[in-house]
Amino acid sequence: MSWRSLTLLAALVLLATLSGCRDASDSVELRLAHILDATHPVHQGMAFLGERLEEFSEGTMRVKIYPSGQLGNERESVELLQLGMLDMTKVASSVIENFVPAMGVYSLPYLFEDHNHFWTTLNGPVGNEILLQGTPFRIRGLCYYDAGFRSFYISDRAVRTPEDLGGLKIRVMRSNLSIQTINMLGANATPMAYGELYTALQQGVVDGAENNPPNFYGSKHFEQARYYTLDEHAAPPDVLLIGTHTWNGLTAQQQEWLAQATAESVTHQRRLWMEATAAALQAVQDAGVTVIRPNKAPFQEAVAPIYDSIEGTELGRWAERIRVSTQ
């Protein structure tokens, strides 16, 4: 049995033990697992959700958070949710593309014109519809958290045009659309676990990666990658999920409290994210990283064929609804 399998088994045993005492009183404790550390703005947003939920419910509802991958990686957390062994989890939208295909739309490059378009979409009808697409698979989306716009960071080369990416090995998430995007920009997409990336940059296994400013800084990848190009090619959000077994077990009043606490946590997290982004960009520049703000048009032109390839598909229809919403 693999180490990851043993970890998942241990998590199942732990959660089964915890589940056995959930109904010992009228109170409800929702168990929420994620892979981020407790200093991350998204974790802080979820902690705020827990505080507000406890206030709304006068102490009858609480959220117990298991950060830093204590109960497994994001995919494993989703599986625990589907099994009814976990109540809530936070995952990147790209992680659940295989569970909820509609979530794949957020991995498309240059889908959003700007941050306003991003949040208008996520908080509007399309975003809400996509949150509920996982219901048949026993997962229900509660909200989106800001995970920023992803940009390239490279060990030893300034990237100002797609041609500058030619031949570079770039670490990407395990998302088909992310891989396709990076390859179309001229680089060699290299899927790799995030935890392995620092060493891979250090040893030259990859030439660079792509991520948002807070993660670039918080991971200390800036120690190995000295050029950061803010091309902002993708903006897959983080998604807060609840198992349908848990949601359906709540009363209408409890669902209302949870929805209100969640909405307030989104506003709180967005503010924290903006502050963290500004601070991270300043910190990496102070550390000697060259931050480049390129003309995005050549990057957008290079990946435009992706939209032609999905025309007429379900993914293409979601993308069209999002793109025309600004017209």
C-alpha atoms as a PDB file:
ATOM      1  CA  MET A   1       0.000   0.000   0.000  1.00  0.00           C
ATOM      2  CA  SER A   2       1.398   3.449  -0.946  1.00  0.00           C
ATOM      3  CA  TRP A   3       2.157   6.184   1.567  1.00  0.00           C
ATOM      4  CA  ARG A   4      -0.729   8.271   0.158  1.00  0.00           C
ATOM      5  CA  SER A   5      -3.082   5.319   0.541  1.00  0.00           C
ATOM      6  CA  LEU A   6      -2.004   4.843   4.150  1.00  0.00           C
ATOM      7  CA  THR A   7      -2.572   8.547   4.788  1.00  0.00           C
ATOM      8  CA  LEU A   8      -6.053   8.358   3.304  1.00  0.00           C
ATOM      9  CA  LEU A   9      -6.842   5.243   5.350  1.00  0.00           C
ATOM     10  CA  ALA A  10      -5.700   6.965   8.535  1.00  0.00           C
ATOM     11  CA  ALA A  11      -7.880   9.953   7.670  1.00  0.00           C
ATOM     12  CA  LEU A  12     -10.869   7.687   7.133  1.00  0.00           C
ATOM     13  CA  VAL A  13     -10.366   6.053  10.519  1.00  0.00           C
ATOM     14  CA  LEU A  14      -9.990   9.439  12.215  1.00  0.00           C
ATOM     15  CA  LEU A  15     -13.071  10.899  10.579  1.00  0.00           C
ATOM     16  CA  ALA A  16     -15.120   7.777  11.212  1.00  0.00           C
ATOM     17  CA  THR A  17     -14.265   8.130  14.890  1.00  0.00           C
ATOM     18  CA  LEU A  18     -15.248  11.786  14.861  1.00  0.00           C
ATOM     19  CA  SER A  19     -18.446  11.032  12.954  1.00  0.00           C
ATOM     20  CA  GLY A  20     -19.569   8.645  15.640  1.00  0.00           C
ATOM     21  CA  CYS A  21     -20.056  11.444  18.144  1.00  0.00           C
ATOM     22  CA  ARG A  22     -21.516  14.155  15.926  1.00  0.00           C
ATOM     23  CA  ASP A  23     -25.088  13.565  17.022  1.00  0.00           C
ATOM     24  CA  ALA A  24     -24.335  13.460  20.738  1.00  0.00           C
ATOM     25  CA  SER A  25     -25.964  16.889  21.166  1.00  0.00           C
ATOM     26  CA  ASP A  26     -28.036  19.415  19.252  1.00  0.00           C
ATOM     27  CA  SER A  27     -24.890  21.191  18.099  1.00  0.00           C
ATOM     28  CA  VAL A  28     -23.309  20.666  14.690  1.00  0.00           C
ATOM     29  CA  GLU A  29     -19.580  20.587  14.030  1.00  0.00           C
ATOM     30  CA  LEU A  30     -18.605  20.775  10.377  1.00  0.00           C
ATOM     31  CA  ARG A  31     -15.218  19.264   9.554  1.00  0.00           C
ATOM     32  CA  LEU A  32     -13.342  21.209   6.866  1.00  0.00           C
ATOM     33  CA  ALA A  33     -10.017  20.040   5.382  1.00  0.00           C
ATOM     34  CA  HIS A  34      -7.650  21.827   3.001  1.00  0.00           C
ATOM     35  CA  ILE A  35      -3.966  21.856   2.000  1.00  0.00           C
ATOM     36  CA  LEU A  36      -3.038  25.466   2.823  1.00  0.00           C
ATOM     37  CA  ASP A  37      -1.204  26.625   5.927  1.00  0.00           C
ATOM     38  CA  ALA A  38      -2.920  28.674   8.596  1.00  0.00           C
ATOM     39  CA  THR A  39      -1.321  31.963   7.486  1.00  0.00           C
ATOM     40  CA  HIS A  40      -2.805  31.810   3.984  1.00  0.00           C
ATOM     41  CA  PRO A  41      -5.542  34.371   3.128  1.00  0.00           C
ATOM     42  CA  VAL A  42      -7.895  31.585   2.003  1.00  0.00           C
ATOM     43  CA  HIS A  43      -7.489  29.744   5.314  1.00  0.00           C
ATOM     44  CA  GLN A  44      -8.113  33.016   7.129  1.00  0.00           C
ATOM     45  CA  GLY A  45     -11.271  33.497   5.074  1.00  0.00           C
ATOM     46  CA  MET A  46     -12.541  30.076   6.107  1.00  0.00           C
ATOM     47  CA  ALA A  47     -11.627  30.716   9.738  1.00  0.00           C
ATOM     48  CA  PHE A  48     -13.694  33.912   9.520  1.00  0.00           C
ATOM     49  CA  LEU A  49     -16.576  31.835   8.120  1.00  0.00           C
ATOM     50  CA  GLY A  50     -16.380  29.637  11.217  1.00  0.00           C
ATOM     51  CA  GLU A  51     -16.449  32.632  13.537  1.00  0.00           C
ATOM     52  CA  ARG A  52     -19.486  34.164  11.840  1.00  0.00           C
ATOM     53  CA  LEU A  53     -21.325  30.839  11.703  1.00  0.00           C
ATOM     54  CA  GLU A  54     -20.848  30.348  15.430  1.00  0.00           C
ATOM     55  CA  GLU A  55     -22.163  33.863  16.054  1.00  0.00           C
ATOM     56  CA  PHE A  56     -25.206  33.447  13.793  1.00  0.00           C
ATOM     57  CA  SER A  57     -26.114  30.103  15.361  1.00  0.00           C
ATOM     58  CA  GLU A  58     -25.402  31.259  18.922  1.00  0.00           C
ATOM     59  CA  GLY A  59     -22.801  28.560  19.326  1.00  0.00           C
ATOM     60  CA  THR A  60     -24.818  25.650  17.970  1.00  0.00           C
ATOM     61  CA  MET A  61     -22.796  25.406  14.743  1.00  0.00           C
ATOM     62  CA  ARG A  62     -19.015  25.281  14.528  1.00  0.00           C
ATOM     63  CA  VAL A  63     -16.373  24.618  11.898  1.00  0.00           C
ATOM     64  CA  LYS A  64     -13.375  22.431  12.751  1.00  0.00           C
ATOM     65  CA  ILE A  65     -10.582  23.131  10.252  1.00  0.00           C
ATOM     66  CA  TYR A  66      -7.841  20.653   9.349  1.00  0.00           C
ATOM     67  CA  PRO A  67      -5.226  22.705   7.405  1.00  0.00           C
ATOM     68  CA  SER A  68      -1.923  21.840   5.759  1.00  0.00           C
ATOM     69  CA  GLY A  69      -3.087  18.606   4.132  1.00  0.00           C
ATOM     70  CA  GLN A  70      -3.639  16.789   7.431  1.00  0.00           C
ATOM     71  CA  LEU A  71      -6.343  14.663   5.812  1.00  0.00           C
ATOM     72  CA  GLY A  72      -4.727  14.230   2.402  1.00  0.00           C
ATOM     73  CA  ASN A  73      -4.357  16.190  -0.809  1.00  0.00           C
ATOM     74  CA  GLU A  74      -7.182  18.045  -2.548  1.00  0.00           C
ATOM     75  CA  ARG A  75      -8.355  15.137  -4.662  1.00  0.00           C
ATOM     76  CA  GLU A  76      -8.424  12.864  -1.626  1.00  0.00           C
ATOM     77  CA  SER A  77     -10.427  15.455   0.300  1.00  0.00           C
ATOM     78  CA  VAL A  78     -13.038  15.512  -2.461  1.00  0.00           C
ATOM     79  CA  GLU A  79     -13.238  11.722  -2.322  1.00  0.00           C
ATOM     80  CA  LEU A  80     -13.723  11.857   1.463  1.00  0.00           C
ATOM     81  CA  LEU A  81     -16.512  14.357   0.856  1.00  0.00           C
ATOM     82  CA  GLN A  82     -18.214  12.011  -1.603  1.00  0.00           C
ATOM     83  CA  LEU A  83     -17.918   9.118   0.839  1.00  0.00           C
ATOM     84  CA  GLY A  84     -19.597  11.134   3.554  1.00  0.00           C
ATOM     85  CA  MET A  85     -16.487  10.989   5.744  1.00  0.00           C
ATOM     86  CA  LEU A  86     -15.828  14.741   5.567  1.00  0.00           C
ATOM     87  CA  ASP A  87     -18.216  17.700   5.585  1.00  0.00           C
ATOM     88  CA  MET A  88     -16.371  20.455   3.721  1.00  0.00           C
ATOM     89  CA  THR A  89     -13.192  21.089   1.779  1.00  0.00           C
ATOM     90  CA  LYS A  90     -11.492  23.828  -0.211  1.00  0.00           C
ATOM     91  CA  VAL A  91      -9.940  22.904  -3.545  1.00  0.00           C
ATOM     92  CA  ALA A  92      -8.668  24.652  -6.650  1.00  0.00           C
ATOM     93  CA  SER A  93     -11.282  24.643  -9.409  1.00  0.00           C
ATOM     94  CA  SER A  94      -8.824  22.817 -11.677  1.00  0.00           C
ATOM     95  CA  VAL A  95      -8.672  19.886  -9.228  1.00  0.00           C
ATOM     96  CA  ILE A  96     -12.359  19.080  -9.636  1.00  0.00           C
ATOM     97  CA  GLU A  97     -12.532  19.328 -13.426  1.00  0.00           C
ATOM     98  CA  ASN A  98     -12.734  15.527 -13.553  1.00  0.00           C
ATOM     99  CA  PHE A  99     -15.538  15.513 -10.977  1.00  0.00           C
ATOM    100  CA  VAL A 100     -17.371  18.591 -12.296  1.00  0.00           C
ATOM    101  CA  PRO A 101     -16.454  19.222 -15.969  1.00  0.00           C
ATOM    102  CA  ALA A 102     -18.011  22.704 -15.961  1.00  0.00           C
ATOM    103  CA  MET A 103     -15.301  23.821 -13.519  1.00  0.00           C
ATOM    104  CA  GLY A 104     -12.831  23.376 -16.373  1.00  0.00           C
ATOM    105  CA  VAL A 105     -14.007  26.654 -17.866  1.00  0.00           C
ATOM    106  CA  TYR A 106     -12.039  28.527 -15.210  1.00  0.00           C
ATOM    107  CA  SER A 107      -8.792  26.987 -16.492  1.00  0.00           C
ATOM    108  CA  LEU A 108      -9.226  28.571 -19.917  1.00  0.00           C
ATOM    109  CA  PRO A 109      -6.598  31.220 -20.669  1.00  0.00           C
ATOM    110  CA  TYR A 110      -7.545  34.874 -20.684  1.00  0.00           C
ATOM    111  CA  LEU A 111     -11.181  34.063 -20.020  1.00  0.00           C
ATOM    112  CA  PHE A 112     -11.643  37.154 -17.859  1.00  0.00           C
ATOM    113  CA  GLU A 113     -10.951  40.686 -19.020  1.00  0.00           C
ATOM    114  CA  ASP A 114     -10.069  41.926 -15.541  1.00  0.00           C
ATOM    115  CA  HIS A 115     -10.778  41.429 -11.848  1.00  0.00           C
ATOM    116  CA  ASN A 116     -14.175  43.095 -12.112  1.00  0.00           C
ATOM    117  CA  HIS A 117     -15.243  40.672 -14.865  1.00  0.00           C
ATOM    118  CA  PHE A 118     -13.901  37.796 -12.759  1.00  0.00           C
ATOM    119  CA  TRP A 119     -16.018  38.633  -9.714  1.00  0.00           C
ATOM    120  CA  THR A 120     -19.090  39.687 -11.692  1.00  0.00           C
ATOM    121  CA  THR A 121     -19.026  36.219 -13.263  1.00  0.00           C
ATOM    122  CA  LEU A 122     -18.375  34.229 -10.111  1.00  0.00           C
ATOM    123  CA  ASN A 123     -20.993  36.080  -8.075  1.00  0.00           C
ATOM    124  CA  GLY A 124     -23.522  36.049 -10.920  1.00  0.00           C
ATOM    125  CA  PRO A 125     -25.856  33.470 -12.509  1.00  0.00           C
ATOM    126  CA  VAL A 126     -23.136  31.547 -14.386  1.00  0.00           C
ATOM    127  CA  GLY A 127     -20.898  31.215 -11.351  1.00  0.00           C
ATOM    128  CA  ASN A 128     -23.788  30.056  -9.171  1.00  0.00           C
ATOM    129  CA  GLU A 129     -24.911  27.503 -11.774  1.00  0.00           C
ATOM    130  CA  ILE A 130     -21.436  26.033 -11.945  1.00  0.00           C
ATOM    131  CA  LEU A 131     -21.266  25.751  -8.148  1.00  0.00           C
ATOM    132  CA  LEU A 132     -24.268  23.409  -8.264  1.00  0.00           C
ATOM    133  CA  GLN A 133     -23.030  21.250 -11.143  1.00  0.00           C
ATOM    134  CA  GLY A 134     -21.407  18.825  -8.719  1.00  0.00           C
ATOM    135  CA  THR A 135     -24.623  17.955  -6.880  1.00  0.00           C
ATOM    136  CA  PRO A 136     -25.152  14.676  -8.797  1.00  0.00           C
ATOM    137  CA  PHE A 137     -21.653  13.692  -7.664  1.00  0.00           C
ATOM    138  CA  ARG A 138     -22.463  14.373  -3.981  1.00  0.00           C
ATOM    139  CA  ILE A 139     -20.569  17.686  -3.798  1.00  0.00           C
ATOM    140  CA  ARG A 140     -22.159  21.129  -3.632  1.00  0.00           C
ATOM    141  CA  GLY A 141     -20.251  24.353  -4.175  1.00  0.00           C
ATOM    142  CA  LEU A 142     -20.773  27.019  -1.522  1.00  0.00           C
ATOM    143  CA  CYS A 143     -18.611  29.858  -2.820  1.00  0.00           C
ATOM    144  CA  TYR A 144     -15.473  30.919  -4.634  1.00  0.00           C
ATOM    145  CA  TYR A 145     -12.404  32.384  -2.968  1.00  0.00           C
ATOM    146  CA  ASP A 146      -9.899  34.591  -4.754  1.00  0.00           C
ATOM    147  CA  ALA A 147      -6.818  32.619  -5.818  1.00  0.00           C
ATOM    148  CA  GLY A 148      -5.473  35.410  -7.984  1.00  0.00           C
ATOM    149  CA  PHE A 149      -4.278  35.468 -11.574  1.00  0.00           C
ATOM    150  CA  ARG A 150      -1.481  33.060 -12.487  1.00  0.00           C
ATOM    151  CA  SER A 151       1.726  34.362 -14.063  1.00  0.00           C
ATOM    152  CA  PHE A 152       5.110  32.927 -15.049  1.00  0.00           C
ATOM    153  CA  TYR A 153       8.215  32.901 -12.901  1.00  0.00           C
ATOM    154  CA  ILE A 154      11.504  31.756 -14.427  1.00  0.00           C
ATOM    155  CA  SER A 155      14.852  30.917 -12.869  1.00  0.00           C
ATOM    156  CA  ASP A 156      17.221  32.810 -15.150  1.00  0.00           C
ATOM    157  CA  ARG A 157      15.395  34.356 -18.086  1.00  0.00           C
ATOM    158  CA  ALA A 158      13.231  37.425 -18.540  1.00  0.00           C
ATOM    159  CA  VAL A 159      10.001  36.556 -20.361  1.00  0.00           C
ATOM    160  CA  ARG A 160       8.356  39.421 -22.247  1.00  0.00           C
ATOM    161  CA  THR A 161       6.806  37.543 -25.188  1.00  0.00           C
ATOM    162  CA  PRO A 162       5.652  33.952 -25.823  1.00  0.00           C
ATOM    163  CA  GLU A 163       8.828  33.432 -27.856  1.00  0.00           C
ATOM    164  CA  ASP A 164      10.841  33.875 -24.668  1.00  0.00           C
ATOM    165  CA  LEU A 165       9.126  30.773 -23.259  1.00  0.00           C
ATOM    166  CA  GLY A 166      10.357  28.598 -26.120  1.00  0.00           C
ATOM    167  CA  GLY A 167      11.707  25.285 -24.898  1.00  0.00           C
ATOM    168  CA  LEU A 168      11.422  26.088 -21.188  1.00  0.00           C
ATOM    169  CA  LYS A 169      10.137  23.390 -18.854  1.00  0.00           C
ATOM    170  CA  ILE A 170       7.307  24.940 -16.851  1.00  0.00           C
ATOM    171  CA  ARG A 171       5.650  23.216 -13.922  1.00  0.00           C
ATOM    172  CA  VAL A 172       1.852  23.224 -14.221  1.00  0.00           C
ATOM    173  CA  MET A 173      -1.118  21.864 -12.296  1.00  0.00           C
ATOM    174  CA  ARG A 174      -2.548  18.533 -13.407  1.00  0.00           C
ATOM    175  CA  SER A 175      -5.176  20.142 -15.605  1.00  0.00           C
ATOM    176  CA  ASN A 176      -5.495  19.299 -19.296  1.00  0.00           C
ATOM    177  CA  LEU A 177      -6.368  22.879 -20.172  1.00  0.00           C
ATOM    178  CA  SER A 178      -3.452  24.248 -18.166  1.00  0.00           C
ATOM    179  CA  ILE A 179      -1.079  21.863 -19.928  1.00  0.00           C
ATOM    180  CA  GLN A 180      -2.497  22.796 -23.326  1.00  0.00           C
ATOM    181  CA  THR A 181      -2.180  26.510 -22.565  1.00  0.00           C
ATOM    182  CA  ILE A 182       1.467  26.321 -21.545  1.00  0.00           C
ATOM    183  CA  ASN A 183       2.378  24.198 -24.568  1.00  0.00           C
ATOM    184  CA  MET A 184       0.628  26.594 -26.957  1.00  0.00           C
ATOM    185  CA  LEU A 185       2.675  29.434 -25.493  1.00  0.00           C
ATOM    186  CA  GLY A 186       5.806  27.576 -26.611  1.00  0.00           C
ATOM    187  CA  ALA A 187       6.946  26.078 -23.315  1.00  0.00           C
ATOM    188  CA  ASN A 188       7.027  22.421 -22.273  1.00  0.00           C
ATOM    189  CA  ALA A 189       4.325  21.872 -19.654  1.00  0.00           C
ATOM    190  CA  THR A 190       5.567  19.666 -16.822  1.00  0.00           C
ATOM    191  CA  PRO A 191       2.898  18.461 -14.368  1.00  0.00           C
ATOM    192  CA  MET A 192       4.375  18.122 -10.907  1.00  0.00           C
ATOM    193  CA  ALA A 193       3.225  18.086  -7.289  1.00  0.00           C
ATOM    194  CA  TYR A 194       3.448  21.567  -5.792  1.00  0.00           C
ATOM    195  CA  GLY A 195       5.443  20.293  -2.817  1.00  0.00           C
ATOM    196  CA  GLU A 196       8.223  19.102  -5.139  1.00  0.00           C
ATOM    197  CA  LEU A 197       8.606  22.383  -6.991  1.00  0.00           C
ATOM    198  CA  TYR A 198      11.137  24.234  -4.835  1.00  0.00           C
ATOM    199  CA  THR A 199      13.658  21.417  -5.152  1.00  0.00           C
ATOM    200  CA  ALA A 200      12.882  21.024  -8.868  1.00  0.00           C
ATOM    201  CA  LEU A 201      13.666  24.709  -9.437  1.00  0.00           C
ATOM    202  CA  GLN A 202      16.790  24.447  -7.328  1.00  0.00           C
ATOM    203  CA  GLN A 203      18.088  21.427  -9.238  1.00  0.00           C
ATOM    204  CA  GLY A 204      17.071  22.663 -12.673  1.00  0.00           C
ATOM    205  CA  VAL A 205      14.521  19.904 -13.236  1.00  0.00           C
ATOM    206  CA  VAL A 206      12.185  22.673 -14.387  1.00  0.00           C
ATOM    207  CA  ASP A 207      13.031  26.172 -15.573  1.00  0.00           C
ATOM    208  CA  GLY A 208      10.057  27.837 -13.994  1.00  0.00           C
ATOM    209  CA  ALA A 209       6.427  27.654 -12.990  1.00  0.00           C
ATOM    210  CA  GLU A 210       3.311  29.809 -12.870  1.00  0.00           C
ATOM    211  CA  ASN A 211       1.311  31.001  -9.903  1.00  0.00           C
ATOM    212  CA  ASN A 212      -0.163  34.021  -8.169  1.00  0.00           C
ATOM    213  CA  PRO A 213       1.984  36.537  -6.216  1.00  0.00           C
ATOM    214  CA  PRO A 214       1.106  35.384  -2.663  1.00  0.00           C
ATOM    215  CA  ASN A 215       1.955  31.770  -3.501  1.00  0.00           C
ATOM    216  CA  PHE A 216       5.130  32.767  -5.371  1.00  0.00           C
ATOM    217  CA  TYR A 217       6.287  34.630  -2.280  1.00  0.00           C
ATOM    218  CA  GLY A 218       4.915  32.320   0.421  1.00  0.00           C
ATOM    219  CA  SER A 219       6.457  29.220  -1.151  1.00  0.00           C
ATOM    220  CA  LYS A 220       9.859  30.970  -1.297  1.00  0.00           C
ATOM    221  CA  HIS A 221      10.083  30.033  -4.970  1.00  0.00           C
ATOM    222  CA  PHE A 222      11.383  33.559  -5.542  1.00  0.00           C
ATOM    223  CA  GLU A 223      14.670  32.363  -4.030  1.00  0.00           C
ATOM    224  CA  GLN A 224      15.152  30.191  -7.127  1.00  0.00           C
ATOM    225  CA  ALA A 225      13.138  32.057  -9.781  1.00  0.00           C
ATOM    226  CA  ARG A 226      14.434  35.588 -10.249  1.00  0.00           C
ATOM    227  CA  TYR A 227      12.081  36.794 -13.006  1.00  0.00           C
ATOM    228  CA  TYR A 228       8.321  37.200 -12.571  1.00  0.00           C
ATOM    229  CA  THR A 229       6.242  38.033 -15.655  1.00  0.00           C
ATOM    230  CA  LEU A 230       2.752  39.286 -14.837  1.00  0.00           C
ATOM    231  CA  ASP A 231       1.040  37.994 -17.970  1.00  0.00           C
ATOM    232  CA  GLU A 232      -1.962  36.829 -15.853  1.00  0.00           C
ATOM    233  CA  HIS A 233      -2.894  34.044 -18.259  1.00  0.00           C
ATOM    234  CA  ALA A 234      -5.401  32.226 -16.040  1.00  0.00           C
ATOM    235  CA  ALA A 235      -7.474  32.763 -12.916  1.00  0.00           C
ATOM    236  CA  PRO A 236      -8.833  29.444 -11.606  1.00  0.00           C
ATOM    237  CA  PRO A 237     -10.506  30.269  -8.284  1.00  0.00           C
ATOM    238  CA  ASP A 238     -10.531  28.266  -5.097  1.00  0.00           C
ATOM    239  CA  VAL A 239     -13.869  26.587  -4.420  1.00  0.00           C
ATOM    240  CA  LEU A 240     -15.427  25.816  -1.044  1.00  0.00           C
ATOM    241  CA  LEU A 241     -17.375  22.554  -1.217  1.00  0.00           C
ATOM    242  CA  ILE A 242     -19.796  20.822   1.115  1.00  0.00           C
ATOM    243  CA  GLY A 243     -20.925  17.224   0.809  1.00  0.00           C
ATOM    244  CA  THR A 244     -24.576  16.866  -0.151  1.00  0.00           C
ATOM    245  CA  HIS A 245     -24.944  14.386   2.726  1.00  0.00           C
ATOM    246  CA  THR A 246     -24.062  17.215   5.119  1.00  0.00           C
ATOM    247  CA  TRP A 247     -26.013  19.966   3.354  1.00  0.00           C
ATOM    248  CA  ASN A 248     -29.184  17.885   3.155  1.00  0.00           C
ATOM    249  CA  GLY A 249     -28.839  17.010   6.832  1.00  0.00           C
ATOM    250  CA  LEU A 250     -28.982  20.655   7.903  1.00  0.00           C
ATOM    251  CA  THR A 251     -32.229  22.408   8.701  1.00  0.00           C
ATOM    252  CA  ALA A 252     -33.372  25.325   6.532  1.00  0.00           C
ATOM    253  CA  GLN A 253     -32.274  27.704   9.272  1.00  0.00           C
ATOM    254  CA  GLN A 254     -28.833  26.101   9.516  1.00  0.00           C
ATOM    255  CA  GLN A 255     -28.431  26.285   5.746  1.00  0.00           C
ATOM    256  CA  GLU A 256     -29.324  29.974   5.876  1.00  0.00           C
ATOM    257  CA  TRP A 257     -26.769  30.653   8.623  1.00  0.00           C
ATOM    258  CA  LEU A 258     -24.081  28.800   6.690  1.00  0.00           C
ATOM    259  CA  ALA A 259     -24.883  30.643   3.447  1.00  0.00           C
ATOM    260  CA  GLN A 260     -24.701  34.026   5.188  1.00  0.00           C
ATOM    261  CA  ALA A 261     -21.432  33.199   6.964  1.00  0.00           C
ATOM    262  CA  THR A 262     -20.001  31.982   3.658  1.00  0.00           C
ATOM    263  CA  ALA A 263     -20.991  35.173   1.816  1.00  0.00           C
ATOM    264  CA  GLU A 264     -19.365  37.332   4.474  1.00  0.00           C
ATOM    265  CA  SER A 265     -16.212  35.210   4.375  1.00  0.00           C
ATOM    266  CA  VAL A 266     -15.883  35.826   0.620  1.00  0.00           C
ATOM    267  CA  THR A 267     -15.855  39.602   1.134  1.00  0.00           C
ATOM    268  CA  HIS A 268     -13.372  39.244   3.989  1.00  0.00           C
ATOM    269  CA  GLN A 269     -11.083  36.932   2.002  1.00  0.00           C
ATOM    270  CA  ARG A 270     -11.081  39.192  -1.064  1.00  0.00           C
ATOM    271  CA  ARG A 271      -9.774  42.068   1.055  1.00  0.00           C
ATOM    272  CA  LEU A 272      -7.097  39.864   2.611  1.00  0.00           C
ATOM    273  CA  TRP A 273      -6.089  38.611  -0.839  1.00  0.00           C
ATOM    274  CA  MET A 274      -5.660  42.100  -2.283  1.00  0.00           C
ATOM    275  CA  GLU A 275      -3.482  43.061   0.677  1.00  0.00           C
ATOM    276  CA  ALA A 276      -1.440  39.850   0.394  1.00  0.00           C
ATOM    277  CA  THR A 277      -0.925  40.348  -3.350  1.00  0.00           C
ATOM    278  CA  ALA A 278       0.395  43.882  -2.967  1.00  0.00           C
ATOM    279  CA  ALA A 279       2.644  42.849  -0.078  1.00  0.00           C
ATOM    280  CA  ALA A 280       3.983  39.811  -1.966  1.00  0.00           C
ATOM    281  CA  LEU A 281       4.885  41.797  -5.077  1.00  0.00           C
ATOM    282  CA  GLN A 282       6.705  44.353  -2.975  1.00  0.00           C
ATOM    283  CA  ALA A 283       8.520  41.655  -1.003  1.00  0.00           C
ATOM    284  CA  VAL A 284       9.840  39.776  -4.040  1.00  0.00           C
ATOM    285  CA  GLN A 285      11.010  43.005  -5.644  1.00  0.00           C
ATOM    286  CA  ASP A 286      12.779  43.951  -2.431  1.00  0.00           C
ATOM    287  CA  ALA A 287      14.447  40.506  -2.592  1.00  0.00           C
ATOM    288  CA  GLY A 288      15.842  41.304  -6.036  1.00  0.00           C
ATOM    289  CA  VAL A 289      13.274  39.642  -8.298  1.00  0.00           C
ATOM    290  CA  THR A 290      12.694  41.415 -11.620  1.00  0.00           C
ATOM    291  CA  VAL A 291       8.945  41.934 -12.056  1.00  0.00           C
ATOM    292  CA  ILE A 292       7.877  42.340 -15.681  1.00  0.00           C
ATOM    293  CA  ARG A 293       4.535  43.667 -16.908  1.00  0.00           C
ATOM    294  CA  PRO A 294       4.382  42.548 -20.546  1.00  0.00           C
ATOM    295  CA  ASN A 295       2.036  43.386 -23.373  1.00  0.00           C
ATOM    296  CA  LYS A 296      -0.559  40.618 -22.995  1.00  0.00           C
ATOM    297  CA  ALA A 297      -1.815  40.735 -26.590  1.00  0.00           C
ATOM    298  CA  PRO A 298       0.796  38.311 -28.043  1.00  0.00           C
ATOM    299  CA  PHE A 299       0.071  35.829 -25.255  1.00  0.00           C
ATOM    300  CA  GLN A 300      -3.675  36.075 -25.899  1.00  0.00           C
ATOM    301  CA  GLU A 301      -3.176  35.573 -29.636  1.00  0.00           C
ATOM    302  CA  ALA A 302      -1.018  32.484 -29.072  1.00  0.00           C
ATOM    303  CA  VAL A 303      -3.732  30.666 -27.106  1.00  0.00           C
ATOM    304  CA  ALA A 304      -6.745  31.854 -29.129  1.00  0.00           C
ATOM    305  CA  PRO A 305      -7.024  28.496 -30.999  1.00  0.00           C
ATOM    306  CA  ILE A 306      -8.106  26.863 -27.735  1.00  0.00           C
ATOM    307  CA  TYR A 307     -11.425  28.668 -28.029  1.00  0.00           C
ATOM    308  CA  ASP A 308     -11.865  27.487 -31.613  1.00  0.00           C
ATOM    309  CA  SER A 309     -11.267  23.895 -30.500  1.00  0.00           C
ATOM    310  CA  ILE A 310     -14.055  23.974 -27.876  1.00  0.00           C
ATOM    311  CA  GLU A 311     -16.652  25.770 -29.980  1.00  0.00           C
ATOM    312  CA  GLY A 312     -19.973  23.926 -29.828  1.00  0.00           C
ATOM    313  CA  THR A 313     -18.980  21.845 -26.797  1.00  0.00           C
ATOM    314  CA  GLU A 314     -20.408  22.164 -23.299  1.00  0.00           C
ATOM    315  CA  LEU A 315     -17.181  23.820 -22.180  1.00  0.00           C
ATOM    316  CA  GLY A 316     -17.389  26.198 -25.112  1.00  0.00           C
ATOM    317  CA  ARG A 317     -20.945  27.161 -24.196  1.00  0.00           C
ATOM    318  CA  TRP A 318     -19.923  27.994 -20.615  1.00  0.00           C
ATOM    319  CA  ALA A 319     -17.012  30.051 -21.943  1.00  0.00           C
ATOM    320  CA  GLU A 320     -19.237  31.926 -24.391  1.00  0.00           C
ATOM    321  CA  ARG A 321     -21.689  32.848 -21.630  1.00  0.00           C
ATOM    322  CA  ILE A 322     -18.831  34.232 -19.562  1.00  0.00           C
ATOM    323  CA  ARG A 323     -17.152  36.121 -22.391  1.00  0.00           C
ATOM    324  CA  VAL A 324     -20.339  37.777 -23.723  1.00  0.00           C
ATOM    325  CA  SER A 325     -21.314  38.931 -20.237  1.00  0.00           C
ATOM    326  CA  THR A 326     -19.034  41.968 -20.701  1.00  0.00           C
ATOM    327  CA  GLN A 327     -20.590  43.062 -23.980  1.00  0.00           C
END
